[in-house]
Amino acid sequence: MKTVEKAKAKAAQAKAADTVEAFAWRWFAEVIEKSNEHPRNIKRVLEKDVIPAVGTRQVADVTVTDVLAITDRIKARGADQMALQTRNVMKRLFAYAIAREKITFNPAAAVEAKFIASARSRDVALTPDEIGRLLRAIYQSSMKRAHKLALHLLILCMVRKSELIEARWEEIDFDKAEWSIPGERMKKDKSHLVPLSRQAVAMFEELKELASHSEWVFPSRGSLTKPISHSTLNVAVRALEIDVRDFVIHDFRRTASTHLHEAGFNSDWIEKALAHETKGIRGVYNRVRVHYRPKHGS
């Protein structure tokens, strides 16, 4: 009788070891933490989306349908690139399971990347590594200092390009660290308040010195009485030599939205920061002012 009980206990232990959660952390410890990669990013993918969805399942029982369900849920949050990254993590996890003779088929590999996220510009959300490469390329380039700061502020402040290049100094309150954009310059004709991080305030302070007493934050090179043209920053970006996939400046807003959602910030806050109009009952109740300020250096 004891032999039967021991056999059952051993089988149960083996089964527990082969759940997705147990096997994923074994893979993480044996492979990821010993590599030169970014284990925190992979850990976040496992904790946020993979384990909650299929953690209690046996590795051998996970199907293509399960993988698609996970990526579809992430895409529903507006994070297509994160959905692709999650699929890539699962693909590597199940490849390891094949190598350990736990399974013979990789369900994540069966889902082609093109069915999850497209590289078309309107779908681009830059990865953290791409943002880093982009900023380094901007600051190492020969473009005007004011244009470098403009591109960086677009990433930090999540505003549209026209809202930034047409900014006047009367809109910037350095004491309150706020930028108040009047309704006539906004897409929805509603005024918009942008809380400024210490980093953004420092950039505006530098721009104030560069503006030569112009009323515009970004005065034209030919005349201090008008701002730079709408094509100026686009031309500057196209001149960069950088290993980042095709994107347009407007993709900075999608990039910010994607990473803030992935970081767990409230969706209403993010939509408010983007000056998006929230319709329906959520729009009725979403009238609070957003007080979120990025930390210095974020």
Protein backbone atom coordinates (compact mmCIF):
# COMPACT_ATOMS: atom_id res chain seq x y z
CA MET A 1 0.00 0.00 0.00
CA LYS A 2 2.83 2.34 0.90
CA THR A 3 4.45 1.63 -2.45
CA VAL A 4 1.27 2.70 -4.28
CA GLU A 5 1.04 5.89 -2.20
CA LYS A 6 4.67 6.71 -2.86
CA ALA A 7 4.14 6.17 -6.59
CA LYS A 8 1.11 8.48 -6.54
CA ALA A 9 3.01 11.12 -4.59
CA LYS A 10 5.93 10.92 -7.00
CA ALA A 11 3.60 11.24 -9.99
CA ALA A 12 1.87 14.24 -8.42
CA GLN A 13 5.22 15.88 -7.74
CA ALA A 14 6.34 15.32 -11.32
CA LYS A 15 3.05 16.74 -12.59
CA ALA A 16 3.44 19.84 -10.42
CA ALA A 17 6.96 20.35 -11.74
CA ASP A 18 5.66 20.33 -15.30
CA THR A 19 3.09 23.09 -14.91
CA VAL A 20 3.78 26.16 -17.03
CA GLU A 21 4.49 28.24 -13.92
CA ALA A 22 6.98 25.79 -12.40
CA PHE A 23 8.67 25.05 -15.69
CA ALA A 24 8.83 28.74 -16.65
CA TRP A 25 10.71 29.66 -13.46
CA ARG A 26 13.04 26.71 -13.97
CA TRP A 27 13.79 27.98 -17.49
CA PHE A 28 14.18 31.52 -16.16
CA ALA A 29 16.70 30.43 -13.52
CA GLU A 30 18.67 28.04 -15.72
CA VAL A 31 18.74 30.06 -18.93
CA ILE A 32 17.63 33.67 -18.70
CA GLU A 33 19.34 34.74 -15.46
CA LYS A 34 22.60 33.21 -16.67
CA SER A 35 22.49 35.03 -20.00
CA ASN A 36 23.45 38.59 -20.89
CA GLU A 37 19.86 39.58 -21.61
CA HIS A 38 17.31 41.67 -19.70
CA PRO A 39 15.77 39.25 -17.20
CA ARG A 40 13.47 41.89 -15.70
CA ASN A 41 11.64 42.32 -19.01
CA ILE A 42 11.13 38.58 -19.41
CA LYS A 43 10.10 38.20 -15.78
CA ARG A 44 7.49 40.91 -16.29
CA VAL A 45 6.08 39.08 -19.33
CA LEU A 46 5.81 35.83 -17.37
CA GLU A 47 4.25 37.44 -14.31
CA LYS A 48 1.88 39.80 -16.09
CA ASP A 49 0.44 37.72 -18.93
CA VAL A 50 1.72 34.16 -19.29
CA ILE A 51 1.44 32.67 -15.79
CA PRO A 52 -1.95 34.25 -14.95
CA ALA A 53 -3.37 32.75 -18.17
CA VAL A 54 -1.85 29.26 -18.32
CA GLY A 55 0.34 28.92 -15.23
CA THR A 56 -1.61 26.00 -13.76
CA ARG A 57 -1.72 24.10 -17.04
CA GLN A 58 0.69 21.34 -17.94
CA VAL A 59 3.34 22.49 -20.42
CA ALA A 60 2.29 19.72 -22.77
CA ASP A 61 -1.35 20.87 -22.70
CA VAL A 62 -0.81 24.45 -23.92
CA THR A 63 -2.20 24.93 -27.43
CA VAL A 64 -1.92 27.44 -30.26
CA THR A 65 -5.35 28.70 -29.20
CA ASP A 66 -3.98 29.44 -25.72
CA VAL A 67 -1.09 31.43 -27.17
CA LEU A 68 -3.43 33.43 -29.41
CA ALA A 69 -5.74 34.14 -26.47
CA ILE A 70 -2.84 35.62 -24.52
CA THR A 71 -1.60 37.79 -27.40
CA ASP A 72 -5.14 38.91 -28.27
CA ARG A 73 -5.72 40.08 -24.70
CA ILE A 74 -2.52 42.13 -24.82
CA LYS A 75 -3.45 43.61 -28.21
CA ALA A 76 -6.83 44.60 -26.76
CA ARG A 77 -4.88 46.84 -24.37
CA GLY A 78 -3.42 48.64 -27.38
CA ALA A 79 0.00 47.01 -26.98
CA ASP A 80 0.64 45.13 -30.22
CA GLN A 81 4.41 45.16 -29.85
CA MET A 82 4.18 43.84 -26.29
CA ALA A 83 1.92 41.06 -27.62
CA LEU A 84 4.66 40.12 -30.08
CA GLN A 85 7.31 40.26 -27.35
CA THR A 86 5.19 37.96 -25.17
CA ARG A 87 4.81 35.48 -28.02
CA ASN A 88 8.59 35.54 -28.49
CA VAL A 89 9.13 34.78 -24.79
CA MET A 90 6.67 31.87 -24.98
CA LYS A 91 8.36 30.60 -28.14
CA ARG A 92 11.69 30.42 -26.32
CA LEU A 93 10.10 28.87 -23.23
CA PHE A 94 8.51 26.07 -25.26
CA ALA A 95 11.70 25.56 -27.28
CA TYR A 96 13.40 24.86 -23.97
CA ALA A 97 10.59 22.45 -23.08
CA ILE A 98 11.25 20.59 -26.33
CA ALA A 99 14.95 20.40 -25.50
CA ARG A 100 14.04 18.95 -22.08
CA GLU A 101 11.80 16.38 -23.80
CA LYS A 102 8.63 17.70 -22.18
CA ILE A 103 6.86 18.43 -25.46
CA THR A 104 7.39 17.78 -29.17
CA PHE A 105 5.50 20.78 -30.58
CA ASN A 106 6.02 24.51 -29.97
CA PRO A 107 2.58 26.21 -29.92
CA ALA A 108 4.06 29.72 -29.86
CA ALA A 109 6.27 29.08 -32.88
CA ALA A 110 3.15 28.13 -34.84
CA VAL A 111 1.82 31.69 -34.44
CA GLU A 112 3.60 33.83 -37.03
CA ALA A 113 4.71 37.30 -35.97
CA LYS A 114 2.85 38.97 -38.84
CA PHE A 115 -0.44 37.79 -37.34
CA ILE A 116 0.32 39.56 -34.06
CA ALA A 117 1.93 42.88 -34.93
CA SER A 118 2.74 44.66 -38.15
CA ALA A 119 5.78 46.83 -38.73
CA ARG A 120 3.68 49.40 -40.57
CA SER A 121 4.25 52.89 -39.23
CA ARG A 122 0.73 53.32 -37.87
CA ASP A 123 1.27 50.21 -35.72
CA VAL A 124 4.73 51.07 -34.38
CA ALA A 125 5.39 51.30 -30.68
CA LEU A 126 9.12 51.60 -30.09
CA THR A 127 10.72 49.21 -27.61
CA PRO A 128 12.76 50.55 -24.67
CA ASP A 129 15.96 49.60 -26.51
CA GLU A 130 14.79 51.44 -29.64
CA ILE A 131 13.92 54.53 -27.60
CA GLY A 132 17.42 54.47 -26.12
CA ARG A 133 19.05 54.11 -29.55
CA LEU A 134 16.86 56.88 -30.93
CA LEU A 135 17.70 59.35 -28.15
CA ARG A 136 21.41 58.59 -28.40
CA ALA A 137 21.28 59.15 -32.16
CA ILE A 138 19.41 62.43 -31.69
CA TYR A 139 21.88 63.86 -29.18
CA GLN A 140 24.90 62.65 -31.14
CA SER A 141 23.61 64.18 -34.39
CA SER A 142 24.45 67.59 -35.83
CA MET A 143 20.86 68.91 -35.68
CA LYS A 144 20.17 72.15 -33.79
CA ARG A 145 20.09 71.84 -30.02
CA ALA A 146 16.52 73.16 -29.90
CA HIS A 147 15.38 70.43 -32.29
CA LYS A 148 17.05 67.76 -30.16
CA LEU A 149 15.17 69.02 -27.14
CA ALA A 150 11.93 69.20 -29.13
CA LEU A 151 12.11 65.54 -30.10
CA HIS A 152 12.93 64.54 -26.53
CA LEU A 153 9.99 66.60 -25.21
CA LEU A 154 7.63 64.87 -27.63
CA ILE A 155 8.57 61.59 -25.99
CA LEU A 156 8.29 62.96 -22.45
CA CYS A 157 5.12 65.03 -22.77
CA MET A 158 3.03 62.77 -25.07
CA VAL A 159 1.71 65.77 -27.03
CA ARG A 160 1.12 66.05 -30.76
CA LYS A 161 3.85 67.62 -32.86
CA SER A 162 1.78 70.71 -33.73
CA GLU A 163 0.98 71.28 -30.06
CA LEU A 164 4.69 71.43 -29.26
CA ILE A 165 6.11 73.44 -32.15
CA GLU A 166 3.38 76.09 -31.84
CA ALA A 167 3.87 76.49 -28.08
CA ARG A 168 4.25 80.00 -26.68
CA TRP A 169 6.11 80.91 -23.52
CA GLU A 170 2.94 82.30 -21.95
CA GLU A 171 1.68 78.69 -21.79
CA ILE A 172 4.59 77.48 -19.64
CA ASP A 173 4.37 77.94 -15.87
CA PHE A 174 7.82 77.17 -14.49
CA ASP A 175 6.78 77.66 -10.85
CA LYS A 176 3.96 75.10 -11.07
CA ALA A 177 5.84 72.91 -13.57
CA GLU A 178 2.84 72.95 -15.88
CA TRP A 179 2.18 73.56 -19.55
CA SER A 180 -1.33 74.79 -20.34
CA ILE A 181 -2.27 74.36 -23.99
CA PRO A 182 -5.28 76.49 -25.01
CA GLY A 183 -8.28 74.80 -26.59
CA GLU A 184 -7.87 76.50 -29.97
CA ARG A 185 -4.59 74.64 -30.44
CA MET A 186 -5.99 71.23 -29.42
CA LYS A 187 -7.55 68.65 -31.72
CA LYS A 188 -10.77 68.52 -29.66
CA ASP A 189 -10.87 72.30 -29.01
CA LYS A 190 -10.49 71.66 -25.28
CA SER A 191 -7.65 73.10 -23.22
CA HIS A 192 -5.09 70.57 -22.04
CA LEU A 193 -2.80 70.67 -19.01
CA VAL A 194 0.55 68.90 -19.20
CA PRO A 195 2.29 68.34 -15.83
CA LEU A 196 6.03 68.65 -16.43
CA SER A 197 8.70 66.41 -14.96
CA ARG A 198 11.85 68.04 -13.60
CA GLN A 199 13.64 66.83 -16.72
CA ALA A 200 11.07 68.53 -18.98
CA VAL A 201 11.24 71.76 -16.96
CA ALA A 202 15.02 71.79 -17.36
CA MET A 203 14.62 71.40 -21.14
CA PHE A 204 12.15 74.28 -21.33
CA GLU A 205 14.52 76.43 -19.27
CA GLU A 206 17.29 75.75 -21.76
CA LEU A 207 14.95 76.45 -24.67
CA LYS A 208 14.02 79.78 -23.05
CA GLU A 209 17.66 80.83 -23.33
CA LEU A 210 17.82 79.64 -26.95
CA ALA A 211 14.62 81.44 -28.01
CA SER A 212 16.21 84.91 -28.15
CA HIS A 213 13.21 86.58 -26.47
CA SER A 214 10.78 85.24 -29.07
CA GLU A 215 7.21 84.57 -27.92
CA TRP A 216 7.56 81.11 -29.47
CA VAL A 217 9.26 78.21 -27.69
CA PHE A 218 10.65 77.10 -31.07
CA PRO A 219 11.12 80.21 -33.21
CA SER A 220 11.90 79.85 -36.89
CA ARG A 221 15.49 80.28 -37.96
CA GLY A 222 14.43 82.95 -40.45
CA SER A 223 12.13 84.93 -38.16
CA LEU A 224 11.60 85.16 -34.41
CA THR A 225 7.97 86.14 -35.03
CA LYS A 226 6.86 82.68 -36.17
CA PRO A 227 7.53 79.08 -35.09
CA ILE A 228 9.45 76.41 -36.96
CA SER A 229 7.58 74.73 -39.81
CA HIS A 230 5.65 71.48 -39.40
CA SER A 231 8.21 69.62 -41.52
CA THR A 232 11.31 70.71 -39.58
CA LEU A 233 11.37 67.86 -37.05
CA ASN A 234 10.40 65.28 -39.67
CA VAL A 235 13.38 66.30 -41.79
CA ALA A 236 15.65 66.12 -38.75
CA VAL A 237 14.49 62.57 -37.91
CA ARG A 238 14.87 61.35 -41.50
CA ALA A 239 18.48 62.57 -41.50
CA LEU A 240 19.38 60.38 -38.51
CA GLU A 241 21.54 57.32 -39.02
CA ILE A 242 19.91 54.86 -36.66
CA ASP A 243 19.08 51.19 -36.41
CA VAL A 244 15.39 51.60 -35.57
CA ARG A 245 12.53 50.35 -37.75
CA ASP A 246 10.52 52.83 -39.77
CA PHE A 247 8.42 55.16 -37.64
CA VAL A 248 6.88 58.61 -37.75
CA ILE A 249 6.92 61.21 -35.01
CA HIS A 250 3.27 60.57 -34.15
CA ASP A 251 4.32 57.04 -33.10
CA PHE A 252 5.88 58.56 -29.97
CA ARG A 253 2.36 58.91 -28.54
CA ARG A 254 1.54 55.26 -29.24
CA THR A 255 4.88 54.29 -27.73
CA ALA A 256 4.12 56.22 -24.54
CA SER A 257 0.64 54.72 -24.31
CA THR A 258 1.95 51.20 -24.81
CA HIS A 259 4.62 51.41 -22.12
CA LEU A 260 2.39 53.18 -19.59
CA HIS A 261 -0.30 50.54 -20.03
CA GLU A 262 2.30 47.81 -19.65
CA ALA A 263 3.57 49.51 -16.48
CA GLY A 264 0.08 49.21 -15.02
CA PHE A 265 -1.03 52.84 -15.00
CA ASN A 266 -4.75 53.58 -15.03
CA SER A 267 -6.08 53.68 -18.61
CA ASP A 268 -8.15 56.79 -17.90
CA TRP A 269 -5.04 58.65 -16.75
CA ILE A 270 -3.20 57.64 -19.90
CA GLU A 271 -6.07 58.70 -22.18
CA LYS A 272 -6.28 62.00 -20.31
CA ALA A 273 -2.54 62.57 -20.71
CA LEU A 274 -2.92 61.93 -24.45
CA ALA A 275 -5.86 64.38 -24.59
CA HIS A 276 -8.09 61.64 -25.94
CA GLU A 277 -11.82 62.10 -25.51
CA THR A 278 -13.34 59.25 -23.49
CA LYS A 279 -16.88 58.58 -24.68
CA GLY A 280 -19.82 56.96 -22.94
CA ILE A 281 -20.21 56.65 -19.18
CA ARG A 282 -16.45 56.63 -18.57
CA GLY A 283 -16.20 59.97 -20.35
CA VAL A 284 -18.94 61.44 -18.14
CA TYR A 285 -17.15 60.54 -14.91
CA ASN A 286 -13.62 61.14 -16.12
CA ARG A 287 -13.37 64.84 -15.32
CA VAL A 288 -10.57 64.78 -12.77
CA ARG A 289 -7.30 66.52 -13.49
CA VAL A 290 -4.35 64.20 -14.05
CA HIS A 291 -1.68 64.70 -11.37
CA TYR A 292 0.75 62.05 -12.59
CA ARG A 293 4.23 63.41 -13.10
CA PRO A 294 7.03 61.22 -14.46
CA LYS A 295 9.97 60.97 -12.12
CA HIS A 296 13.20 62.71 -12.95
CA GLY A 297 14.98 60.88 -15.75
CA SER A 298 11.92 58.81 -16.70
